[in-house]
Amino acid sequence: MAKSNDGAPGIDGVTFEAIEESGVESFLKQIQDELVQHTYQPMRVRHLRTSLLFGLVGA
């Protein structure tokens, strides 16, 4: 769904095109291996203040 909506890259900066170029199966296998081996390290989440999003700063 995200791809069909021209979704932006994730927090890690990896695009759909980059995943497809390197191979979807190998990408999924790598993630699976990291999860099984308990070595997966999720990236930190970017926080966006909703007040900035809606222009409410200084209101």
PDB file of N, CA and C in Angstrom:
ATOM      1  N   MET A   1       0.809  -1.179   0.000  1.00  0.00           N
ATOM      2  CA  MET A   1       0.000   0.000   0.000  1.00  0.00           C
ATOM      3  C   MET A   1       0.867   1.263   0.000  1.00  0.00           C
ATOM      4  N   ALA A   2       1.909   1.278   0.808  1.00  0.00           N
ATOM      5  CA  ALA A   2       2.775   2.452   0.852  1.00  0.00           C
ATOM      6  C   ALA A   2       3.441   2.687  -0.500  1.00  0.00           C
ATOM      7  N   LYS A   3       3.832   1.628  -1.155  1.00  0.00           N
ATOM      8  CA  LYS A   3       4.478   1.767  -2.453  1.00  0.00           C
ATOM      9  C   LYS A   3       3.503   2.327  -3.482  1.00  0.00           C
ATOM     10  N   SER A   4       2.267   1.862  -3.479  1.00  0.00           N
ATOM     11  CA  SER A   4       1.285   2.345  -4.452  1.00  0.00           C
ATOM     12  C   SER A   4       0.943   3.815  -4.221  1.00  0.00           C
ATOM     13  N   ASN A   5       1.201   4.313  -3.023  1.00  0.00           N
ATOM     14  CA  ASN A   5       0.964   5.724  -2.700  1.00  0.00           C
ATOM     15  C   ASN A   5       2.239   6.552  -2.817  1.00  0.00           C
ATOM     16  N   ASP A   6       3.245   6.035  -3.534  1.00  0.00           N
ATOM     17  CA  ASP A   6       4.539   6.710  -3.671  1.00  0.00           C
ATOM     18  C   ASP A   6       5.132   7.039  -2.313  1.00  0.00           C
ATOM     19  N   GLY A   7       5.108   6.043  -1.419  1.00  0.00           N
ATOM     20  CA  GLY A   7       5.599   6.223  -0.058  1.00  0.00           C
ATOM     21  C   GLY A   7       7.052   6.641  -0.011  1.00  0.00           C
ATOM     22  N   ALA A   8       7.369   7.431   0.979  1.00  0.00           N
ATOM     23  CA  ALA A   8       8.730   7.901   1.193  1.00  0.00           C
ATOM     24  C   ALA A   8       9.558   6.792   1.824  1.00  0.00           C
ATOM     25  N   PRO A   9      10.883   6.892   1.754  1.00  0.00           N
ATOM     26  CA  PRO A   9      11.730   5.904   2.425  1.00  0.00           C
ATOM     27  C   PRO A   9      11.455   5.894   3.922  1.00  0.00           C
ATOM     28  N   GLY A  10      11.750   4.769   4.541  1.00  0.00           N
ATOM     29  CA  GLY A  10      11.571   4.662   5.983  1.00  0.00           C
ATOM     30  C   GLY A  10      12.601   5.464   6.738  1.00  0.00           C
ATOM     31  N   ILE A  11      12.585   5.353   8.037  1.00  0.00           N
ATOM     32  CA  ILE A  11      13.522   6.085   8.899  1.00  0.00           C
ATOM     33  C   ILE A  11      14.970   5.732   8.567  1.00  0.00           C
ATOM     34  N   ASP A  12      15.179   4.521   8.022  1.00  0.00           N
ATOM     35  CA  ASP A  12      16.527   4.093   7.652  1.00  0.00           C
ATOM     36  C   ASP A  12      16.959   4.625   6.292  1.00  0.00           C
ATOM     37  N   GLY A  13      16.060   5.289   5.574  1.00  0.00           N
ATOM     38  CA  GLY A  13      16.399   5.870   4.283  1.00  0.00           C
ATOM     39  C   GLY A  13      16.356   4.903   3.119  1.00  0.00           C
ATOM     40  N   VAL A  14      15.971   3.664   3.360  1.00  0.00           N
ATOM     41  CA  VAL A  14      15.933   2.647   2.303  1.00  0.00           C
ATOM     42  C   VAL A  14      14.641   2.810   1.504  1.00  0.00           C
ATOM     43  N   THR A  15      14.781   2.916   0.204  1.00  0.00           N
ATOM     44  CA  THR A  15      13.629   3.078  -0.675  1.00  0.00           C
ATOM     45  C   THR A  15      13.159   1.728  -1.193  1.00  0.00           C
ATOM     46  N   PHE A  16      11.949   1.703  -1.731  1.00  0.00           N
ATOM     47  CA  PHE A  16      11.438   0.484  -2.357  1.00  0.00           C
ATOM     48  C   PHE A  16      12.340   0.072  -3.510  1.00  0.00           C
ATOM     49  N   GLU A  17      12.817   1.054  -4.266  1.00  0.00           N
ATOM     50  CA  GLU A  17      13.685   0.760  -5.399  1.00  0.00           C
ATOM     51  C   GLU A  17      14.974   0.074  -4.954  1.00  0.00           C
ATOM     52  N   ALA A  18      15.552   0.545  -3.858  1.00  0.00           N
ATOM     53  CA  ALA A  18      16.796  -0.050  -3.360  1.00  0.00           C
ATOM     54  C   ALA A  18      16.568  -1.493  -2.920  1.00  0.00           C
ATOM     55  N   ILE A  19      15.438  -1.748  -2.275  1.00  0.00           N
ATOM     56  CA  ILE A  19      15.125  -3.117  -1.842  1.00  0.00           C
ATOM     57  C   ILE A  19      14.932  -4.009  -3.053  1.00  0.00           C
ATOM     58  N   GLU A  20      14.217  -3.516  -4.058  1.00  0.00           N
ATOM     59  CA  GLU A  20      13.972  -4.311  -5.254  1.00  0.00           C
ATOM     60  C   GLU A  20      15.259  -4.578  -6.025  1.00  0.00           C
ATOM     61  N   GLU A  21      16.153  -3.584  -6.082  1.00  0.00           N
ATOM     62  CA  GLU A  21      17.430  -3.761  -6.790  1.00  0.00           C
ATOM     63  C   GLU A  21      18.307  -4.807  -6.113  1.00  0.00           C
ATOM     64  N   SER A  22      18.307  -4.807  -4.787  1.00  0.00           N
ATOM     65  CA  SER A  22      19.157  -5.768  -4.068  1.00  0.00           C
ATOM     66  C   SER A  22      18.476  -7.124  -3.930  1.00  0.00           C
ATOM     67  N   GLY A  23      17.174  -7.155  -4.191  1.00  0.00           N
ATOM     68  CA  GLY A  23      16.433  -8.408  -4.116  1.00  0.00           C
ATOM     69  C   GLY A  23      15.542  -8.457  -2.896  1.00  0.00           C
ATOM     70  N   VAL A  24      14.248  -8.543  -3.128  1.00  0.00           N
ATOM     71  CA  VAL A  24      13.289  -8.557  -2.030  1.00  0.00           C
ATOM     72  C   VAL A  24      13.512  -9.774  -1.136  1.00  0.00           C
ATOM     73  N   GLU A  25      13.737 -10.939  -1.759  1.00  0.00           N
ATOM     74  CA  GLU A  25      13.921 -12.169  -0.974  1.00  0.00           C
ATOM     75  C   GLU A  25      15.121 -12.069  -0.047  1.00  0.00           C
ATOM     76  N   SER A  26      16.234 -11.515  -0.549  1.00  0.00           N
ATOM     77  CA  SER A  26      17.420 -11.403   0.300  1.00  0.00           C
ATOM     78  C   SER A  26      17.191 -10.383   1.419  1.00  0.00           C
ATOM     79  N   PHE A  27      16.452  -9.324   1.131  1.00  0.00           N
ATOM     80  CA  PHE A  27      16.110  -8.327   2.150  1.00  0.00           C
ATOM     81  C   PHE A  27      15.292  -8.967   3.265  1.00  0.00           C
ATOM     82  N   LEU A  28      14.266  -9.715   2.886  1.00  0.00           N
ATOM     83  CA  LEU A  28      13.422 -10.372   3.880  1.00  0.00           C
ATOM     84  C   LEU A  28      14.181 -11.445   4.649  1.00  0.00           C
ATOM     85  N   LYS A  29      15.063 -12.164   3.960  1.00  0.00           N
ATOM     86  CA  LYS A  29      15.871 -13.200   4.618  1.00  0.00           C
ATOM     87  C   LYS A  29      16.787 -12.575   5.667  1.00  0.00           C
ATOM     88  N   GLN A  30      17.370 -11.436   5.338  1.00  0.00           N
ATOM     89  CA  GLN A  30      18.254 -10.756   6.284  1.00  0.00           C
ATOM     90  C   GLN A  30      17.486 -10.342   7.537  1.00  0.00           C
ATOM     91  N   ILE A  31      16.310  -9.761   7.350  1.00  0.00           N
ATOM     92  CA  ILE A  31      15.504  -9.358   8.499  1.00  0.00           C
ATOM     93  C   ILE A  31      15.083 -10.574   9.320  1.00  0.00           C
ATOM     94  N   GLN A  32      14.687 -11.641   8.634  1.00  0.00           N
ATOM     95  CA  GLN A  32      14.286 -12.858   9.332  1.00  0.00           C
ATOM     96  C   GLN A  32      15.438 -13.400  10.169  1.00  0.00           C
ATOM     97  N   ASP A  33      16.628 -13.461   9.588  1.00  0.00           N
ATOM     98  CA  ASP A  33      17.795 -13.963  10.315  1.00  0.00           C
ATOM     99  C   ASP A  33      18.074 -13.115  11.556  1.00  0.00           C
ATOM    100  N   GLU A  34      17.991 -11.795  11.408  1.00  0.00           N
ATOM    101  CA  GLU A  34      18.244 -10.909  12.546  1.00  0.00           C
ATOM    102  C   GLU A  34      17.209 -11.121  13.648  1.00  0.00           C
ATOM    103  N   LEU A  35      15.951 -11.319  13.263  1.00  0.00           N
ATOM    104  CA  LEU A  35      14.908 -11.551  14.261  1.00  0.00           C
ATOM    105  C   LEU A  35      15.102 -12.886  14.972  1.00  0.00           C
ATOM    106  N   VAL A  36      15.418 -13.932  14.219  1.00  0.00           N
ATOM    107  CA  VAL A  36      15.601 -15.264  14.799  1.00  0.00           C
ATOM    108  C   VAL A  36      16.807 -15.282  15.733  1.00  0.00           C
ATOM    109  N   GLN A  37      17.885 -14.608  15.338  1.00  0.00           N
ATOM    110  CA  GLN A  37      19.119 -14.599  16.120  1.00  0.00           C
ATOM    111  C   GLN A  37      19.115 -13.531  17.218  1.00  0.00           C
ATOM    112  N   HIS A  38      18.021 -12.788  17.314  1.00  0.00           N
ATOM    113  CA  HIS A  38      17.891 -11.718  18.309  1.00  0.00           C
ATOM    114  C   HIS A  38      18.973 -10.660  18.157  1.00  0.00           C
ATOM    115  N   THR A  39      19.356 -10.359  16.912  1.00  0.00           N
ATOM    116  CA  THR A  39      20.359  -9.328  16.661  1.00  0.00           C
ATOM    117  C   THR A  39      19.755  -8.104  15.981  1.00  0.00           C
ATOM    118  N   TYR A  40      18.454  -8.129  15.711  1.00  0.00           N
ATOM    119  CA  TYR A  40      17.784  -7.014  15.047  1.00  0.00           C
ATOM    120  C   TYR A  40      17.804  -5.792  15.951  1.00  0.00           C
ATOM    121  N   GLN A  41      18.226  -4.680  15.425  1.00  0.00           N
ATOM    122  CA  GLN A  41      18.270  -3.424  16.158  1.00  0.00           C
ATOM    123  C   GLN A  41      17.402  -2.405  15.428  1.00  0.00           C
ATOM    124  N   PRO A  42      16.183  -2.173  15.900  1.00  0.00           N
ATOM    125  CA  PRO A  42      15.343  -1.193  15.228  1.00  0.00           C
ATOM    126  C   PRO A  42      15.946   0.199  15.319  1.00  0.00           C
ATOM    127  N   MET A  43      15.683   0.991  14.306  1.00  0.00           N
ATOM    128  CA  MET A  43      16.187   2.362  14.296  1.00  0.00           C
ATOM    129  C   MET A  43      15.300   3.206  15.198  1.00  0.00           C
ATOM    130  N   ARG A  44      15.865   4.281  15.707  1.00  0.00           N
ATOM    131  CA  ARG A  44      15.105   5.186  16.560  1.00  0.00           C
ATOM    132  C   ARG A  44      14.000   5.848  15.746  1.00  0.00           C
ATOM    133  N   VAL A  45      12.929   6.140  16.391  1.00  0.00           N
ATOM    134  CA  VAL A  45      11.791   6.781  15.748  1.00  0.00           C
ATOM    135  C   VAL A  45      11.998   8.287  15.754  1.00  0.00           C
ATOM    136  N   ARG A  46      11.694   8.912  14.610  1.00  0.00           N
ATOM    137  CA  ARG A  46      11.731  10.372  14.569  1.00  0.00           C
ATOM    138  C   ARG A  46      10.465  10.898  15.217  1.00  0.00           C
ATOM    139  N   HIS A  47      10.620  11.845  16.096  1.00  0.00           N
ATOM    140  CA  HIS A  47       9.460  12.436  16.751  1.00  0.00           C
ATOM    141  C   HIS A  47       9.136  13.763  16.078  1.00  0.00           C
ATOM    142  N   LEU A  48       7.881  13.976  15.799  1.00  0.00           N
ATOM    143  CA  LEU A  48       7.430  15.222  15.208  1.00  0.00           C
ATOM    144  C   LEU A  48       6.365  15.792  16.116  1.00  0.00           C
ATOM    145  N   ARG A  49       6.626  16.975  16.589  1.00  0.00           N
ATOM    146  CA  ARG A  49       5.651  17.599  17.476  1.00  0.00           C
ATOM    147  C   ARG A  49       4.423  17.981  16.676  1.00  0.00           C
ATOM    148  N   THR A  50       3.275  17.570  17.144  1.00  0.00           N
ATOM    149  CA  THR A  50       2.039  17.862  16.417  1.00  0.00           C
ATOM    150  C   THR A  50       1.770  19.358  16.368  1.00  0.00           C
ATOM    151  N   SER A  51       2.259  20.106  17.331  1.00  0.00           N
ATOM    152  CA  SER A  51       2.054  21.554  17.297  1.00  0.00           C
ATOM    153  C   SER A  51       2.776  22.147  16.090  1.00  0.00           C
ATOM    154  N   LEU A  52       3.917  21.601  15.737  1.00  0.00           N
ATOM    155  CA  LEU A  52       4.632  22.078  14.557  1.00  0.00           C
ATOM    156  C   LEU A  52       3.911  21.632  13.298  1.00  0.00           C
ATOM    157  N   LEU A  53       3.386  20.438  13.324  1.00  0.00           N
ATOM    158  CA  LEU A  53       2.698  19.898  12.170  1.00  0.00           C
ATOM    159  C   LEU A  53       1.484  20.727  11.781  1.00  0.00           C
ATOM    160  N   PHE A  54       0.757  21.207  12.766  1.00  0.00           N
ATOM    161  CA  PHE A  54      -0.461  21.957  12.501  1.00  0.00           C
ATOM    162  C   PHE A  54      -0.277  23.462  12.597  1.00  0.00           C
ATOM    163  N   GLY A  55       0.968  23.908  12.745  1.00  0.00           N
ATOM    164  CA  GLY A  55       1.228  25.344  12.779  1.00  0.00           C
ATOM    165  C   GLY A  55       0.695  26.044  14.027  1.00  0.00           C
ATOM    166  N   LEU A  56       0.678  25.356  15.129  1.00  0.00           N
ATOM    167  CA  LEU A  56       0.105  25.911  16.350  1.00  0.00           C
ATOM    168  C   LEU A  56       1.164  26.554  17.249  1.00  0.00           C
ATOM    169  N   VAL A  57       2.396  26.597  16.794  1.00  0.00           N
ATOM    170  CA  VAL A  57       3.454  27.174  17.620  1.00  0.00           C
ATOM    171  C   VAL A  57       3.210  28.675  17.761  1.00  0.00           C
ATOM    172  N   GLY A  58       3.239  29.153  18.971  1.00  0.00           N
ATOM    173  CA  GLY A  58       3.037  30.555  19.243  1.00  0.00           C
ATOM    174  C   GLY A  58       1.580  30.987  19.241  1.00  0.00           C
ATOM    175  N   ALA A  59       0.691  30.010  19.103  1.00  0.00           N
ATOM    176  CA  ALA A  59      -0.732  30.358  19.083  1.00  0.00           C
ATOM    177  C   ALA A  59      -1.288  30.508  20.476  1.00  0.00           C
TER     178      ALA A  59
END
